[in-house]
Amino acid sequence: MGISSEIIEENSERIVLKTGRCPIYKATQAVGMDNEGIEVECQANAIYYKDVMLKQWDPNLSYRLWEFRSSADAHCIEEVVLG
């Protein structure tokens, strides 16, 4: 259970994460949301929440969804950016 992420790129300006297992995706899919609706929900809630948390730690950091998964078995690409 939980989110499964792997760092696929890291430098002084950003960290890129490949996120596989996601309980938010599975839960929203289980209640009947389609992929487009799940992406909207994710942008409005999960990604926003992660961005707010990072900014509390360091206001110069941003959390972004770079690529949304195409299906339940796919992955998202997310990034933490400095600046």
C-alpha atoms as a PDB file:
ATOM      1  CA  MET A   1       0.000   0.000   0.000  1.00  0.00           C
ATOM      2  CA  GLY A   2       1.106   3.575  -0.401  1.00  0.00           C
ATOM      3  CA  ILE A   3       2.768   5.442  -3.211  1.00  0.00           C
ATOM      4  CA  SER A   4       5.684   3.883  -5.058  1.00  0.00           C
ATOM      5  CA  SER A   5       8.139   6.435  -6.488  1.00  0.00           C
ATOM      6  CA  GLU A   6      11.585   6.144  -8.005  1.00  0.00           C
ATOM      7  CA  ILE A   7      14.026   8.985  -8.692  1.00  0.00           C
ATOM      8  CA  ILE A   8      14.861   8.914 -12.399  1.00  0.00           C
ATOM      9  CA  GLU A   9      16.740  12.211 -12.639  1.00  0.00           C
ATOM     10  CA  GLU A  10      18.408  14.392 -10.060  1.00  0.00           C
ATOM     11  CA  ASN A  11      20.485  17.542 -10.344  1.00  0.00           C
ATOM     12  CA  SER A  12      20.893  20.830  -8.479  1.00  0.00           C
ATOM     13  CA  GLU A  13      17.720  22.289 -10.018  1.00  0.00           C
ATOM     14  CA  ARG A  14      15.234  19.419  -9.967  1.00  0.00           C
ATOM     15  CA  ILE A  15      14.361  15.874  -9.025  1.00  0.00           C
ATOM     16  CA  VAL A  16      12.221  13.837 -11.411  1.00  0.00           C
ATOM     17  CA  LEU A  17      10.147  11.004  -9.962  1.00  0.00           C
ATOM     18  CA  LYS A  18       8.490   8.080 -11.693  1.00  0.00           C
ATOM     19  CA  THR A  19       5.429   7.236  -9.617  1.00  0.00           C
ATOM     20  CA  GLY A  20       3.966   3.796 -10.079  1.00  0.00           C
ATOM     21  CA  ARG A  21       1.605   2.465  -7.432  1.00  0.00           C
ATOM     22  CA  CYS A  22      -0.820   5.173  -6.322  1.00  0.00           C
ATOM     23  CA  PRO A  23      -3.665   4.577  -3.865  1.00  0.00           C
ATOM     24  CA  ILE A  24      -5.359   7.816  -4.932  1.00  0.00           C
ATOM     25  CA  TYR A  25      -5.567   6.596  -8.527  1.00  0.00           C
ATOM     26  CA  LYS A  26      -6.867   3.189  -7.474  1.00  0.00           C
ATOM     27  CA  ALA A  27      -9.490   4.679  -5.138  1.00  0.00           C
ATOM     28  CA  THR A  28     -10.828   7.176  -7.667  1.00  0.00           C
ATOM     29  CA  GLN A  29     -10.898   4.481 -10.342  1.00  0.00           C
ATOM     30  CA  ALA A  30     -12.763   2.159  -7.961  1.00  0.00           C
ATOM     31  CA  VAL A  31     -15.553   4.718  -7.534  1.00  0.00           C
ATOM     32  CA  GLY A  32     -15.953   4.978 -11.295  1.00  0.00           C
ATOM     33  CA  MET A  33     -13.931   8.016 -12.342  1.00  0.00           C
ATOM     34  CA  ASP A  34     -12.373   7.865 -15.795  1.00  0.00           C
ATOM     35  CA  ASN A  35      -8.713   8.659 -16.455  1.00  0.00           C
ATOM     36  CA  GLU A  36      -9.398  12.298 -17.391  1.00  0.00           C
ATOM     37  CA  GLY A  37     -11.425  12.881 -14.230  1.00  0.00           C
ATOM     38  CA  ILE A  38      -8.736  11.271 -12.106  1.00  0.00           C
ATOM     39  CA  GLU A  39      -6.109  13.552 -13.639  1.00  0.00           C
ATOM     40  CA  VAL A  40      -8.213  16.631 -12.823  1.00  0.00           C
ATOM     41  CA  GLU A  41      -8.714  15.394  -9.255  1.00  0.00           C
ATOM     42  CA  CYS A  42      -5.008  14.700  -8.894  1.00  0.00           C
ATOM     43  CA  GLN A  43      -4.006  18.164 -10.151  1.00  0.00           C
ATOM     44  CA  ALA A  44      -6.552  19.871  -7.895  1.00  0.00           C
ATOM     45  CA  ASN A  45      -5.753  17.885  -4.765  1.00  0.00           C
ATOM     46  CA  ALA A  46      -2.743  15.563  -4.550  1.00  0.00           C
ATOM     47  CA  ILE A  47      -0.285  17.594  -6.633  1.00  0.00           C
ATOM     48  CA  TYR A  48      -1.504  20.851  -5.089  1.00  0.00           C
ATOM     49  CA  TYR A  49      -1.113  19.373  -1.593  1.00  0.00           C
ATOM     50  CA  LYS A  50       2.438  18.165  -2.319  1.00  0.00           C
ATOM     51  CA  ASP A  51       3.329  21.599  -3.713  1.00  0.00           C
ATOM     52  CA  VAL A  52       1.985  23.365  -0.610  1.00  0.00           C
ATOM     53  CA  MET A  53       3.903  21.002   1.682  1.00  0.00           C
ATOM     54  CA  LEU A  54       7.161  21.613  -0.180  1.00  0.00           C
ATOM     55  CA  LYS A  55       6.678  25.389  -0.131  1.00  0.00           C
ATOM     56  CA  GLN A  56       6.276  25.281   3.658  1.00  0.00           C
ATOM     57  CA  TRP A  57       9.648  23.588   3.858  1.00  0.00           C
ATOM     58  CA  ASP A  58      11.290  25.828   1.232  1.00  0.00           C
ATOM     59  CA  PRO A  59       9.302  28.523  -0.641  1.00  0.00           C
ATOM     60  CA  ASN A  60      11.635  28.149  -3.640  1.00  0.00           C
ATOM     61  CA  LEU A  61      10.521  24.566  -4.325  1.00  0.00           C
ATOM     62  CA  SER A  62       7.638  23.566  -6.596  1.00  0.00           C
ATOM     63  CA  TYR A  63       5.991  20.187  -7.139  1.00  0.00           C
ATOM     64  CA  ARG A  64       4.618  19.537 -10.622  1.00  0.00           C
ATOM     65  CA  LEU A  65       2.893  16.772 -12.477  1.00  0.00           C
ATOM     66  CA  TRP A  66       4.885  16.483 -15.681  1.00  0.00           C
ATOM     67  CA  GLU A  67       3.139  13.485 -17.223  1.00  0.00           C
ATOM     68  CA  PHE A  68      -0.052  11.810 -16.029  1.00  0.00           C
ATOM     69  CA  ARG A  69      -0.391   8.036 -16.285  1.00  0.00           C
ATOM     70  CA  SER A  70      -2.273   6.700 -19.282  1.00  0.00           C
ATOM     71  CA  SER A  71      -3.782   3.790 -17.330  1.00  0.00           C
ATOM     72  CA  ALA A  72      -3.790   2.113 -13.929  1.00  0.00           C
ATOM     73  CA  ASP A  73      -0.743   0.060 -14.906  1.00  0.00           C
ATOM     74  CA  ALA A  74       1.230   3.039 -16.204  1.00  0.00           C
ATOM     75  CA  HIS A  75       3.084   5.682 -14.194  1.00  0.00           C
ATOM     76  CA  CYS A  76       3.158   9.422 -13.605  1.00  0.00           C
ATOM     77  CA  ILE A  77       6.221  11.587 -13.978  1.00  0.00           C
ATOM     78  CA  GLU A  78       6.408  14.241 -11.279  1.00  0.00           C
ATOM     79  CA  GLU A  79       9.120  16.739 -10.518  1.00  0.00           C
ATOM     80  CA  VAL A  80      10.383  18.836  -7.660  1.00  0.00           C
ATOM     81  CA  VAL A  81      11.885  22.043  -9.026  1.00  0.00           C
ATOM     82  CA  LEU A  82      14.052  24.643  -7.325  1.00  0.00           C
ATOM     83  CA  GLY A  83      13.352  28.184  -8.405  1.00  0.00           C
END
